[in-house]
Amino acid sequence: MERFIENAMYASRWLLAPIYFGLSLALLALALKFFQEVFHILPNVFAMAEADLILVLLSLIDMALVGGLLVMVMISGYENFVSQLDIKEGTEKLSWLGKMDSSSLKMKVAASIVAISSIHLLKVFMNAQNIPDSKLMWYVIIHMAFVLSAFAMGYLDKLTKYESS
């Protein structure tokens, strides 16, 4: 009975595979939205104010960072929790593939969230004249919470690695 339960629990990791595949569909949706925005800007680029163009470009950068985050979580999560990817020799391989454990993945996600939050905060500041001061304060507080939590996670990770060596 124990062996059956252990085998069933181990096999249940495959329930994550459709979730990681779903992230690839989310990446497709993000790519479609990205190019929709690019095609929307191009005809109007000469008529746009510089500040408006910068805001749109920051949104594109934001989408690119989210896309990279999706790829990292999708591939690393699959490889860490479901099965190793079987990539043929001579095929292009991402340098971090097979080297990112769940701890380093969490750190990459935290760093990406801070970067995405920074870009969002920059977009907010570029439009600061239209936003009440109390809202600006909350944007900064939320961003600082992301920064501090990422720093704390990194510090705890460093302590854990130091103690285990």
Protein backbone atom coordinates (compact mmCIF):
# COMPACT_ATOMS: atom_id res chain seq x y z
CA MET A 1 0.00 0.00 0.00
CA GLU A 2 2.82 2.40 0.93
CA ARG A 3 4.59 1.72 -2.38
CA PHE A 4 1.36 2.43 -4.30
CA ILE A 5 0.83 5.77 -2.51
CA GLU A 6 4.46 6.79 -3.08
CA ASN A 7 4.28 5.88 -6.78
CA ALA A 8 0.96 7.72 -7.18
CA MET A 9 2.36 10.84 -5.48
CA TYR A 10 5.47 10.72 -7.65
CA ALA A 11 3.42 10.25 -10.82
CA SER A 12 1.13 13.13 -9.85
CA ARG A 13 3.95 15.55 -10.74
CA TRP A 14 2.73 15.15 -14.33
CA LEU A 15 -0.38 17.13 -13.35
CA LEU A 16 1.91 20.17 -13.50
CA ALA A 17 2.79 19.58 -17.18
CA PRO A 18 -0.48 21.06 -18.55
CA ILE A 19 -0.02 24.05 -16.24
CA TYR A 20 3.44 24.74 -17.66
CA PHE A 21 2.05 24.25 -21.17
CA GLY A 22 -0.67 26.75 -20.27
CA LEU A 23 2.08 29.25 -19.51
CA SER A 24 3.26 28.85 -23.10
CA LEU A 25 -0.26 29.82 -24.22
CA ALA A 26 -0.06 32.83 -21.89
CA LEU A 27 3.25 33.71 -23.58
CA LEU A 28 1.51 33.53 -26.95
CA ALA A 29 -1.23 35.87 -25.68
CA LEU A 30 1.43 38.29 -24.40
CA ALA A 31 3.24 38.21 -27.77
CA LEU A 32 -0.02 38.98 -29.58
CA LYS A 33 -0.69 41.91 -27.25
CA PHE A 34 2.91 43.14 -27.71
CA PHE A 35 2.63 43.21 -31.50
CA GLN A 36 -0.85 44.71 -31.33
CA GLU A 37 0.70 47.59 -29.40
CA VAL A 38 3.63 47.89 -31.86
CA PHE A 39 1.26 48.01 -34.85
CA HIS A 40 -0.84 50.58 -33.01
CA ILE A 41 2.17 52.87 -32.43
CA LEU A 42 3.85 52.74 -35.84
CA PRO A 43 1.31 54.76 -37.84
CA ASN A 44 1.15 57.39 -35.09
CA VAL A 45 4.81 57.57 -34.07
CA PHE A 46 5.44 60.99 -35.66
CA ALA A 47 2.29 62.50 -34.18
CA MET A 48 2.91 61.23 -30.65
CA ALA A 49 4.40 63.37 -27.94
CA GLU A 50 7.77 62.17 -26.68
CA ALA A 51 6.42 61.41 -23.20
CA ASP A 52 3.58 59.32 -24.67
CA LEU A 53 6.03 57.37 -26.82
CA ILE A 54 8.23 56.70 -23.81
CA LEU A 55 5.21 55.43 -21.85
CA VAL A 56 4.32 53.02 -24.66
CA LEU A 57 7.94 51.86 -24.94
CA LEU A 58 8.03 51.24 -21.20
CA SER A 59 4.90 49.12 -21.59
CA LEU A 60 6.66 47.11 -24.31
CA ILE A 61 9.70 46.61 -22.08
CA ASP A 62 7.36 45.58 -19.29
CA MET A 63 5.78 42.95 -21.56
CA ALA A 64 9.22 41.68 -22.60
CA LEU A 65 10.22 41.25 -18.94
CA VAL A 66 6.98 39.41 -18.17
CA GLY A 67 7.60 37.19 -21.20
CA GLY A 68 11.09 36.34 -19.97
CA LEU A 69 9.66 35.59 -16.55
CA LEU A 70 7.07 33.27 -18.12
CA VAL A 71 9.78 31.38 -20.02
CA MET A 72 11.92 31.00 -16.90
CA VAL A 73 9.04 29.73 -14.77
CA MET A 74 7.68 27.51 -17.52
CA ILE A 75 10.93 25.76 -18.45
CA SER A 76 12.63 25.71 -15.05
CA GLY A 77 9.46 24.65 -13.29
CA TYR A 78 8.90 21.83 -15.74
CA GLU A 79 12.50 20.69 -15.45
CA ASN A 80 12.58 20.96 -11.63
CA PHE A 81 9.22 19.41 -10.85
CA VAL A 82 8.12 17.26 -13.80
CA SER A 83 10.86 15.91 -16.05
CA GLN A 84 14.20 16.91 -17.53
CA LEU A 85 14.02 18.31 -21.03
CA ASP A 86 15.52 16.02 -23.65
CA ILE A 87 17.35 18.40 -25.96
CA LYS A 88 19.47 16.90 -28.75
CA GLU A 89 23.20 17.59 -28.83
CA GLY A 90 24.10 20.40 -31.20
CA THR A 91 20.74 22.07 -30.65
CA GLU A 92 20.70 25.57 -29.24
CA LYS A 93 20.36 25.34 -25.47
CA LEU A 94 19.69 28.09 -22.95
CA SER A 95 22.74 28.60 -20.71
CA TRP A 96 20.73 28.38 -17.49
CA LEU A 97 18.87 25.22 -18.48
CA GLY A 98 19.42 22.49 -15.93
CA LYS A 99 21.22 24.85 -13.55
CA MET A 100 18.28 26.64 -11.97
CA ASP A 101 16.86 24.97 -8.89
CA SER A 102 13.67 26.11 -7.18
CA SER A 103 15.61 28.46 -4.89
CA SER A 104 17.38 30.26 -7.73
CA LEU A 105 14.12 30.32 -9.69
CA LYS A 106 12.44 32.13 -6.79
CA MET A 107 15.28 34.66 -6.76
CA LYS A 108 14.95 35.24 -10.52
CA VAL A 109 11.19 35.67 -10.15
CA ALA A 110 11.67 38.13 -7.28
CA ALA A 111 14.24 40.12 -9.28
CA SER A 112 11.93 40.16 -12.30
CA ILE A 113 9.02 41.38 -10.18
CA VAL A 114 11.18 44.21 -8.85
CA ALA A 115 12.23 45.13 -12.41
CA ILE A 116 8.63 45.05 -13.64
CA SER A 117 7.51 47.09 -10.64
CA SER A 118 10.29 49.62 -11.32
CA ILE A 119 9.13 50.10 -14.88
CA HIS A 120 5.53 50.45 -13.74
CA LEU A 121 6.61 53.01 -11.13
CA LEU A 122 8.55 54.94 -13.77
CA LYS A 123 5.42 55.02 -15.96
CA VAL A 124 3.43 56.31 -12.98
CA PHE A 125 6.02 59.01 -12.28
CA MET A 126 5.96 60.15 -15.90
CA ASN A 127 2.25 60.79 -15.43
CA ALA A 128 2.61 62.06 -11.83
CA GLN A 129 0.87 65.39 -12.47
CA ASN A 130 -2.40 63.48 -13.06
CA ILE A 131 -2.11 61.22 -10.00
CA PRO A 132 -2.93 62.25 -6.43
CA ASP A 133 0.00 62.29 -3.99
CA SER A 134 -1.60 59.65 -1.78
CA LYS A 135 -1.73 57.22 -4.72
CA LEU A 136 1.88 58.00 -5.62
CA MET A 137 2.87 57.25 -2.04
CA TRP A 138 1.13 53.86 -2.21
CA TYR A 139 2.86 53.01 -5.50
CA VAL A 140 6.22 53.72 -3.87
CA ILE A 141 5.32 51.76 -0.73
CA ILE A 142 4.21 48.74 -2.76
CA HIS A 143 7.37 48.91 -4.89
CA MET A 144 9.54 49.12 -1.76
CA ALA A 145 7.72 46.08 -0.36
CA PHE A 146 8.74 44.15 -3.50
CA VAL A 147 12.33 45.40 -3.20
CA LEU A 148 12.57 44.54 0.51
CA SER A 149 11.01 41.11 0.07
CA ALA A 150 13.40 40.31 -2.80
CA PHE A 151 16.34 41.50 -0.68
CA ALA A 152 15.15 39.43 2.30
CA MET A 153 14.71 36.34 0.12
CA GLY A 154 18.22 36.80 -1.28
CA TYR A 155 19.69 37.29 2.17
CA LEU A 156 17.93 34.21 3.55
CA ASP A 157 19.05 32.19 0.53
CA LYS A 158 22.63 33.31 1.12
CA LEU A 159 22.40 32.36 4.81
CA THR A 160 20.99 28.96 3.93
CA LYS A 161 23.74 28.26 1.39
CA TYR A 162 26.40 29.49 3.85
CA GLU A 163 25.10 27.23 6.63
CA SER A 164 24.88 24.18 4.39
CA SER A 165 28.49 24.49 3.16
